[in-house]
Protein backbone atom coordinates (compact mmCIF):
# COMPACT_ATOMS: atom_id res chain seq x y z
CA MET A 1 117.93 -16.80 134.61
CA THR A 2 118.92 -20.48 134.91
CA PRO A 3 121.00 -21.54 131.98
CA LYS A 4 119.34 -25.42 130.82
CA LYS A 5 121.45 -28.77 131.98
CA ILE A 6 122.28 -30.07 128.41
CA LEU A 7 123.28 -33.49 128.39
CA VAL A 8 125.96 -33.43 124.68
CA LEU A 9 126.87 -37.42 123.83
CA PHE A 10 130.04 -38.04 121.97
CA THR A 11 131.33 -34.78 120.34
CA ASN A 12 133.31 -34.05 117.86
CA GLU A 13 135.27 -31.03 116.84
CA TRP A 14 132.42 -29.77 114.97
CA ASP A 15 130.35 -29.86 118.06
CA THR A 16 133.48 -28.31 121.00
CA ALA A 17 133.58 -25.48 118.11
CA GLU A 18 129.59 -24.98 118.40
CA PHE A 19 129.59 -25.32 121.96
CA ALA A 20 132.41 -22.90 123.28
CA ASN A 21 130.40 -19.85 121.15
CA ALA A 22 129.84 -17.53 123.74
CA ARG A 23 125.95 -16.86 123.09
CA TYR A 24 124.84 -20.03 124.12
CA ALA A 25 126.98 -19.46 128.00
CA ARG A 26 124.17 -17.57 130.14
CA ARG A 27 121.45 -19.88 128.22
CA TYR A 28 123.16 -23.30 128.41
CA GLN A 29 125.53 -25.43 131.09
CA PHE A 30 126.56 -28.10 128.59
CA ILE A 31 127.69 -31.74 130.07
CA PHE A 32 129.85 -33.97 127.84
CA GLU A 33 129.39 -37.09 127.77
CA GLY A 34 131.08 -39.87 126.11
CA PHE A 35 134.93 -39.72 123.46
CA ASP A 36 135.52 -38.92 119.93
CA LEU A 37 135.90 -41.43 117.95
CA PHE A 38 137.83 -40.57 115.70
CA LYS A 39 140.28 -38.56 117.54
CA PHE A 40 143.54 -39.92 119.44
CA PRO A 41 143.96 -40.97 122.07
CA GLU A 42 140.94 -40.49 124.16
CA ASN A 43 138.82 -43.26 121.44
CA GLY A 44 141.28 -45.92 122.71
CA TRP A 45 138.48 -45.88 125.19
CA LEU A 46 136.42 -47.98 122.63
CA MET A 47 138.06 -50.64 123.36
CA LEU A 48 136.26 -51.39 126.61
CA PHE A 49 133.24 -49.22 125.74
CA ASP A 50 129.99 -51.21 126.44
CA VAL A 51 126.51 -49.06 125.19
CA ARG A 52 124.84 -51.29 128.34
CA ARG A 53 126.88 -50.08 131.02
CA PHE A 54 126.86 -46.32 129.97
CA ILE A 55 123.49 -45.91 128.98
CA ALA A 56 123.23 -47.07 132.41
CA ARG A 57 126.00 -44.65 133.96
CA ILE A 58 124.62 -41.90 132.91
CA VAL A 59 120.79 -42.32 133.20
CA THR A 60 121.71 -43.68 137.07
CA ARG A 61 124.05 -40.01 137.35
CA PHE A 62 121.62 -37.63 135.94
CA ARG A 63 118.22 -39.14 136.88
CA GLY A 64 116.94 -36.41 139.63
CA ALA A 65 119.77 -33.79 138.53
CA ARG A 66 116.88 -30.85 137.00
CA ILE A 67 118.48 -32.40 132.99
CA ALA A 68 116.30 -30.11 130.22
CA GLY A 69 117.67 -32.33 127.20
CA VAL A 70 119.84 -34.93 125.65
CA ILE A 71 121.05 -34.56 122.31
CA SER A 72 124.25 -36.08 119.42
CA THR A 73 125.29 -35.24 116.08
CA ASP A 74 127.24 -38.64 116.47
CA GLU A 75 126.49 -40.35 114.07
CA HIS A 76 127.31 -43.94 114.88
CA PHE A 77 126.92 -44.38 118.54
CA GLY A 78 125.23 -40.97 119.90
CA ALA A 79 121.75 -41.13 118.00
CA MET A 80 120.98 -43.77 119.55
CA ILE A 81 122.10 -43.66 122.46
CA ALA A 82 120.68 -39.50 123.47
CA ALA A 83 117.67 -41.47 122.42
CA ILE A 84 116.93 -44.20 124.28
CA ILE A 85 119.06 -41.90 127.72
CA ALA A 86 115.93 -39.20 126.46
CA GLU A 87 113.31 -42.19 126.73
CA ARG A 88 114.19 -42.67 130.13
CA LEU A 89 114.29 -39.97 131.33
CA GLY A 90 111.02 -38.83 130.44
CA LEU A 91 113.01 -35.84 128.04
CA PRO A 92 112.08 -35.24 124.73
CA GLY A 93 113.47 -37.75 121.47
CA GLY A 94 113.76 -39.20 118.72
CA ASN A 95 112.16 -43.19 118.84
CA ALA A 96 115.16 -45.24 119.64
CA GLU A 97 114.00 -47.58 117.08
CA SER A 98 113.65 -45.77 114.35
CA ILE A 99 116.98 -44.43 114.88
CA LEU A 100 118.24 -48.62 115.08
CA ILE A 101 116.76 -49.84 111.60
CA ALA A 102 117.59 -46.22 110.16
CA GLN A 103 120.80 -46.64 110.50
CA HIS A 104 120.96 -50.63 109.74
CA LYS A 105 121.87 -51.05 106.14
CA TYR A 106 120.16 -53.60 105.09
CA TYR A 107 116.49 -53.60 106.93
CA ALA A 108 117.31 -49.37 106.31
CA ARG A 109 116.47 -50.31 102.40
CA VAL A 110 114.63 -53.12 102.95
CA ARG A 111 112.06 -50.67 105.05
CA GLN A 112 113.06 -48.26 101.97
CA ARG A 113 111.36 -50.23 99.54
CA ASP A 114 108.34 -50.73 101.46
CA ILE A 115 107.44 -46.60 101.79
CA ALA A 116 109.11 -46.04 97.88
CA PRO A 117 109.89 -48.86 95.60
CA GLN A 118 109.90 -46.63 92.78
CA ALA A 119 113.59 -45.19 94.86
CA THR A 120 114.79 -48.28 96.26
CA PRO A 121 117.70 -49.81 94.21
CA ALA A 122 118.01 -53.49 94.36
CA PHE A 123 119.49 -54.75 97.29
CA SER A 124 120.84 -57.54 99.04
CA TYR A 125 122.97 -59.15 102.37
CA PHE A 126 126.32 -61.17 102.97
CA PRO A 127 128.12 -61.43 106.21
CA TYR A 128 132.08 -60.88 105.70
CA HIS A 129 133.58 -64.23 105.79
CA ILE A 130 132.71 -65.03 102.30
CA GLU A 131 134.19 -68.03 100.01
CA ARG A 132 132.47 -67.64 96.77
CA ALA A 133 131.08 -65.20 94.93
CA GLU A 134 127.77 -67.15 94.81
CA GLU A 135 127.63 -66.86 98.11
CA ILE A 136 126.99 -63.12 97.77
CA GLY A 137 123.64 -63.84 95.26
CA PHE A 138 124.07 -60.69 93.40
CA PRO A 139 125.77 -59.86 90.66
CA PHE A 140 129.15 -57.86 90.35
CA PRO A 141 129.62 -55.33 90.00
CA PHE A 142 128.22 -53.28 92.54
CA TYR A 143 128.50 -51.83 95.57
CA VAL A 144 129.27 -53.36 99.11
CA LYS A 145 128.79 -51.35 102.62
CA PRO A 146 129.09 -52.38 105.84
CA VAL A 147 125.47 -52.74 107.71
CA LYS A 148 126.61 -50.64 110.28
CA ALA A 149 128.98 -48.08 109.86
CA THR A 150 130.41 -44.81 109.70
CA TYR A 151 131.87 -41.25 107.08
CA SER A 152 132.08 -43.94 104.38
CA ILE A 153 133.60 -46.66 105.87
CA LEU A 154 134.64 -49.83 103.94
CA ALA A 155 131.66 -48.52 101.13
CA ARG A 156 132.85 -48.38 97.35
CA ARG A 157 132.55 -50.70 94.63
CA VAL A 158 133.93 -53.94 93.84
CA ASP A 159 133.51 -55.11 90.10
CA ASN A 160 134.83 -58.39 90.40
CA PHE A 161 135.12 -61.56 93.67
CA ARG A 162 138.45 -61.40 94.08
CA GLU A 163 138.55 -57.35 94.17
CA LEU A 164 135.83 -57.34 97.25
CA GLN A 165 138.61 -60.76 98.68
CA THR A 166 140.63 -57.99 99.44
CA HIS A 167 138.80 -55.46 100.19
CA LEU A 168 137.84 -57.83 102.43
CA THR A 169 141.08 -58.54 103.70
CA PHE A 170 142.00 -57.68 107.75
CA GLY A 171 145.07 -57.73 110.10
CA TRP A 172 143.65 -58.81 113.55
CA LEU A 173 144.25 -55.42 114.92
CA GLU A 174 141.75 -53.97 111.66
CA LYS A 175 139.35 -57.09 112.94
CA MET A 176 139.45 -55.94 115.90
CA ILE A 177 138.33 -52.41 115.98
CA LEU A 178 135.85 -53.71 114.36
CA GLU A 179 134.20 -55.87 115.90
CA ARG A 180 134.19 -53.09 118.85
CA LEU A 181 132.95 -50.11 116.77
CA ILE A 182 129.91 -52.85 115.60
CA ARG A 183 129.50 -54.48 118.95
CA PRO A 184 127.32 -51.83 120.66
CA PHE A 185 125.18 -52.17 117.61
CA ASN A 186 124.43 -55.05 118.02
CA ASP A 187 124.12 -55.10 121.63
CA LEU A 188 121.70 -52.25 121.34
CA GLY A 189 119.62 -54.22 118.60
CA ALA A 190 119.08 -57.88 120.50
CA ASP A 191 118.35 -55.71 123.70
CA ARG A 192 115.22 -55.24 121.04
CA GLY A 193 114.82 -57.82 119.24
CA LEU A 194 115.03 -56.26 115.82
CA PHE A 195 117.66 -57.72 113.76
CA PRO A 196 117.62 -61.38 113.00
CA ILE A 197 120.02 -60.55 110.68
CA ASP A 198 122.58 -58.49 112.69
CA ALA A 199 125.67 -56.12 111.66
CA HIS A 200 128.03 -57.50 111.24
CA HIS A 201 126.86 -58.34 106.81
CA LEU A 202 127.49 -56.38 104.16
CA VAL A 203 124.86 -54.17 102.24
CA ALA A 204 125.06 -54.83 97.91
CA GLU A 205 122.80 -52.99 96.53
CA THR A 206 122.60 -51.47 92.48
CA ILE A 207 125.66 -48.80 91.27
CA LEU A 208 123.08 -45.51 91.31
CA GLU A 209 124.23 -43.41 88.99
CA GLY A 210 123.77 -39.28 89.22
CA ASP A 211 123.81 -35.78 91.49
CA GLN A 212 124.11 -36.98 94.64
CA VAL A 213 122.54 -34.36 97.31
CA THR A 214 121.55 -33.92 101.29
CA VAL A 215 118.46 -33.17 102.87
CA GLU A 216 118.56 -31.86 105.87
CA GLY A 217 115.95 -31.04 107.85
CA PHE A 218 114.09 -31.74 111.43
CA VAL A 219 110.03 -32.83 113.19
CA ASN A 220 109.15 -31.16 116.58
CA GLN A 221 105.98 -33.63 117.47
CA GLY A 222 105.15 -34.42 114.51
CA GLN A 223 105.62 -31.52 112.27
CA PHE A 224 108.05 -31.98 109.45
CA THR A 225 110.21 -28.53 108.54
CA MET A 226 112.28 -28.62 106.13
CA LEU A 227 115.95 -27.18 105.46
CA GLY A 228 116.75 -27.52 103.06
CA VAL A 229 119.37 -28.95 100.20
CA VAL A 230 122.55 -29.50 99.94
CA ASP A 231 124.74 -30.60 96.37
CA SER A 232 127.57 -32.87 97.35
CA ILE A 233 130.36 -32.76 94.52
CA MET A 234 133.10 -36.19 94.47
CA TYR A 235 136.82 -35.72 93.42
CA PRO A 236 136.22 -36.71 89.47
CA GLY A 237 136.88 -40.43 89.06
CA THR A 238 135.94 -41.18 92.98
CA SER A 239 133.76 -41.94 95.99
CA ALA A 240 134.69 -39.61 97.36
CA PHE A 241 133.55 -36.42 98.25
CA GLN A 242 135.04 -32.83 97.26
CA ARG A 243 132.87 -30.56 98.48
CA PHE A 244 129.27 -29.99 99.02
CA GLU A 245 127.70 -26.77 98.05
CA TYR A 246 124.45 -24.98 100.13
CA PRO A 247 121.85 -23.98 98.45
CA SER A 248 121.33 -26.69 95.54
CA HIS A 249 121.97 -25.53 91.79
CA LEU A 250 119.29 -28.62 91.28
CA PRO A 251 115.82 -27.38 89.37
CA MET A 252 113.81 -26.20 92.16
CA GLU A 253 111.46 -28.37 90.43
CA VAL A 254 113.95 -31.26 91.35
CA GLN A 255 114.86 -30.37 94.94
CA GLN A 256 110.82 -30.47 96.27
CA ARG A 257 110.78 -33.83 94.57
CA MET A 258 112.92 -34.86 96.87
CA GLU A 259 112.07 -32.73 99.62
CA VAL A 260 108.12 -34.21 99.14
CA LEU A 261 109.97 -38.24 98.34
CA THR A 262 112.57 -37.28 102.33
CA GLU A 263 108.83 -36.32 104.23
CA ARG A 264 107.39 -39.36 103.41
CA VAL A 265 110.43 -41.72 103.93
CA VAL A 266 110.90 -40.52 107.47
CA ARG A 267 107.48 -40.35 108.50
CA GLY A 268 107.23 -44.33 107.08
CA PHE A 269 110.52 -44.73 109.39
CA GLY A 270 108.11 -44.12 112.55
CA PHE A 271 110.33 -40.42 112.88
CA GLN A 272 108.58 -38.44 115.88
CA HIS A 273 110.71 -35.88 117.16
CA GLY A 274 115.05 -34.43 115.57
CA PHE A 275 116.69 -33.70 113.06
CA PHE A 276 117.24 -35.80 109.93
CA ASN A 277 119.25 -36.04 106.79
CA VAL A 278 118.71 -38.12 103.68
CA GLU A 279 121.40 -39.04 101.12
CA LEU A 280 120.41 -39.32 97.54
CA PHE A 281 121.06 -39.43 94.01
CA TYR A 282 118.69 -37.36 91.44
CA ASN A 283 120.33 -38.60 87.70
CA ARG A 284 119.19 -35.89 84.62
CA ALA A 285 118.96 -38.55 82.41
CA THR A 286 116.68 -40.36 84.03
CA ASP A 287 115.27 -38.31 85.50
CA GLN A 288 114.97 -40.39 88.72
CA ILE A 289 115.51 -39.90 92.57
CA HIS A 290 117.45 -42.74 94.48
CA LEU A 291 118.49 -43.24 97.77
CA ILE A 292 121.07 -43.38 99.01
CA GLU A 293 120.61 -43.12 103.57
CA VAL A 294 118.54 -42.30 105.50
CA ASN A 295 120.71 -40.36 109.27
CA PRO A 296 118.31 -39.90 112.47
CA ARG A 297 120.68 -36.62 112.85
CA LEU A 298 122.29 -32.78 112.12
CA ALA A 299 124.55 -32.80 109.60
CA TYR A 300 126.59 -31.51 111.27
CA GLN A 301 129.44 -29.49 108.37
CA PHE A 302 126.45 -27.55 106.81
CA ALA A 303 125.31 -26.09 110.18
CA ASP A 304 127.81 -23.33 108.80
CA LEU A 305 126.18 -23.67 105.74
CA ARG A 306 122.69 -23.31 107.09
CA GLU A 307 123.80 -19.78 109.46
CA LYS A 308 126.40 -18.48 106.66
CA VAL A 309 123.59 -18.57 103.87
CA ASP A 310 120.68 -18.07 105.90
CA GLY A 311 121.47 -16.39 109.81
CA PHE A 312 119.91 -19.80 111.22
CA ASN A 313 121.65 -22.30 113.49
CA PRO A 314 120.63 -25.51 112.87
CA TYR A 315 122.29 -25.80 116.77
CA GLN A 316 119.95 -22.98 118.42
CA ALA A 317 117.76 -25.38 116.28
CA LEU A 318 118.27 -28.69 118.38
CA LEU A 319 118.62 -27.10 121.33
CA ASP A 320 115.63 -26.45 121.58
CA LEU A 321 113.96 -29.80 120.52
CA ALA A 322 115.72 -31.05 123.44
CA VAL A 323 114.30 -28.84 125.41
CA GLY A 324 110.57 -29.04 124.27
CA ALA A 325 110.60 -25.55 122.47
CA THR A 326 110.10 -25.03 118.78
CA PRO A 327 113.05 -23.68 116.58
CA ASN A 328 112.91 -20.53 115.55
CA VAL A 329 114.29 -20.75 111.00
CA VAL A 330 114.68 -18.40 108.69
CA PHE A 331 116.16 -18.52 105.31
CA ARG A 332 117.91 -15.85 103.00
CA GLU A 333 118.36 -14.01 105.81
CA GLY A 334 122.42 -14.54 106.53
CA ARG A 335 125.95 -12.33 104.98
CA TYR A 336 126.56 -14.54 102.21
CA ARG A 337 124.19 -16.09 99.07
CA HIS A 338 126.81 -19.17 98.83
CA ALA A 339 128.71 -20.66 100.85
CA ALA A 340 130.33 -24.83 100.91
CA SER A 341 132.34 -27.01 102.89
CA PHE A 342 135.67 -27.18 100.75
CA VAL A 343 136.63 -31.01 101.73
CA LEU A 344 141.16 -31.42 101.16
CA ARG A 345 142.59 -35.25 100.49
CA LYS A 346 145.45 -37.55 99.95
CA PHE A 347 144.64 -39.91 97.36
CA GLY A 348 146.73 -43.32 98.13
CA ARG A 349 149.47 -44.48 99.42
CA THR A 350 150.67 -41.73 101.79
CA ARG A 351 152.77 -39.90 104.56
CA LEU A 352 152.27 -35.88 105.97
CA ARG A 353 155.99 -34.44 106.47
CA ARG A 354 154.61 -31.14 107.13
CA ALA A 355 151.25 -30.28 109.25
CA PRO A 356 150.54 -26.47 109.86
CA SER A 357 151.17 -25.30 113.74
CA GLN A 358 148.87 -24.73 116.34
CA GLU A 359 149.33 -20.90 116.07
CA GLN A 360 149.59 -21.43 112.24
CA LEU A 361 146.11 -22.07 112.29
CA GLN A 362 145.63 -19.97 114.75
CA ASP A 363 146.38 -17.28 112.14
CA VAL A 364 144.04 -18.24 109.27
CA ARG A 365 141.62 -18.65 111.45
CA ARG A 366 141.82 -14.24 112.09
CA ARG A 367 142.79 -13.84 108.89
CA HIS A 368 139.79 -15.24 108.20
CA ARG A 369 136.85 -15.53 111.71
CA ASP A 370 134.32 -16.53 109.26
CA ALA A 371 135.97 -19.49 108.67
CA ARG A 372 135.81 -22.84 109.73
CA LEU A 373 138.72 -24.66 109.70
CA MET A 374 139.32 -28.14 110.96
CA VAL A 375 142.81 -30.23 110.03
CA TYR A 376 143.02 -33.91 110.37
CA ILE A 377 146.78 -35.05 111.34
CA LYS A 378 147.45 -38.80 111.15
CA LYS A 379 150.77 -40.72 110.30
CA GLY A 380 151.60 -44.41 110.58
CA ALA A 381 148.78 -46.90 111.36
CA SER A 382 146.12 -44.11 111.46
CA LEU A 383 147.05 -43.27 108.34
CA ASP A 384 147.81 -46.29 106.61
CA ARG A 385 144.21 -47.49 108.36
CA GLU A 386 141.81 -44.68 106.89
CA VAL A 387 143.60 -44.55 103.25
CA LYS A 388 142.10 -48.64 103.03
CA TRP A 389 138.47 -48.35 104.87
CA LEU A 390 138.16 -44.65 102.80
CA GLY A 391 140.48 -44.94 99.68
CA SER A 392 142.22 -41.69 100.91
CA TYR A 393 143.16 -39.17 103.93
CA ARG A 394 140.91 -36.41 104.43
CA TYR A 395 143.41 -34.33 106.16
CA ALA A 396 141.50 -30.57 106.36
CA VAL A 397 137.97 -29.12 106.20
CA LEU A 398 137.45 -25.27 105.00
CA ASN A 399 133.54 -24.33 105.34
CA LEU A 400 133.66 -20.31 103.58
CA GLY A 401 130.16 -18.45 102.41
CA ALA A 402 130.74 -15.89 99.83
CA MET A 403 128.25 -13.48 97.69
CA ASP A 404 128.55 -15.41 94.08
CA HIS A 405 129.97 -18.92 93.06
CA GLY A 406 133.32 -17.09 91.63
CA SER A 407 135.06 -15.54 95.11
CA LEU A 408 133.98 -19.18 97.01
CA PHE A 409 136.26 -20.55 95.06
CA ASP A 410 138.56 -17.73 95.25
CA ARG A 411 138.60 -17.76 98.86
CA PHE A 412 139.36 -21.32 99.46
CA HIS A 413 142.07 -20.79 97.04
CA ASP A 414 143.44 -18.23 99.17
CA VAL A 415 143.05 -19.52 102.66
CA SER A 416 144.31 -22.95 101.25
CA ARG A 417 147.44 -21.65 100.23
CA GLU A 418 147.79 -20.45 103.96
CA LEU A 419 147.92 -24.07 104.86
CA PRO A 420 151.17 -25.61 104.83
CA PHE A 421 151.30 -28.65 104.69
CA ASP A 422 153.64 -31.52 102.48
CA PHE A 423 153.24 -35.23 101.39
CA ALA A 424 155.33 -37.72 100.39
């Protein structure tokens, strides 16, 4: 059988690890284009990146090349670009306009309010450059986030105007990076005449409280399949993710309500094909569910968790959808009953004095073959910028499975002790 040619855009470390698996070798030929926005030195391409030229080049190069599908798990560039390229090559893909609206945090809130007003917090928008609190038009305290961002960059609670001003004080390099991060989205939105308010703005919204979760699924030619609920647990007193657990510990009745709301919202955005993951809050005191955001992509960090518990590989489903096939979904047929993605972080100003060598990482992976371990080494200005923009330094992610909750944490402590990180 001739391998299907799959165009993979803006890959990350999870994609690279997954597609290196031998199970894909005979069935697919992967062609990689784009760059990893969070990996040095290739993220330097951001400064020269022209999204219109990139799309035109890819379409010209691969038209007539018998490409079977186009995929991307990238939140910032990949999802919207993959949809446009698939559209121009006549391949299965998501609706580009729906994806762009979902990724514009202000107009996404407007759409959510139209579809599910009871689940949408109060919100407003304002420009990056403001001189008076009155210009915001929204009472403090509130949660602020960029209209277009990724990985919760610059998203946080602010209690007063001075705190907001400090949060939005940038050096010249930071300003340049932010402008370059926003420009591709603004260009594509302008091409379709979608956004009178462009992405060079921020959103202020009511602070939500409760248990945070992600509901994931996919749409196949208008037919919805829900894959279940993942719990998001924060470091105490912060909004930084500590771990993600699957299956969810919320009551099944609440999970079912979340899935019903998710389908209604995703359908209301006009999604017809592809993966989605929707973040929500459940407030136990009020029994209310609120929307955080709609992400039009596969949640790559959770894919391994589902395979551990369900025996179902979301990456395979992503490939199936890309070539117009129907994914085969199973539940609770995996090796483990519980799985979690643990996020290792340092808070405050810090310096990385020592990190595991490649040989040490390989040894850990050999001893724990079913673990997924990702390490993020950052130093100097790059580390300082991450702490400022995200509030912490995420230096590793460790995915593990176990038969019970206690064993899951025992495994985590055992493996993490084998990672010789040292901070000043």
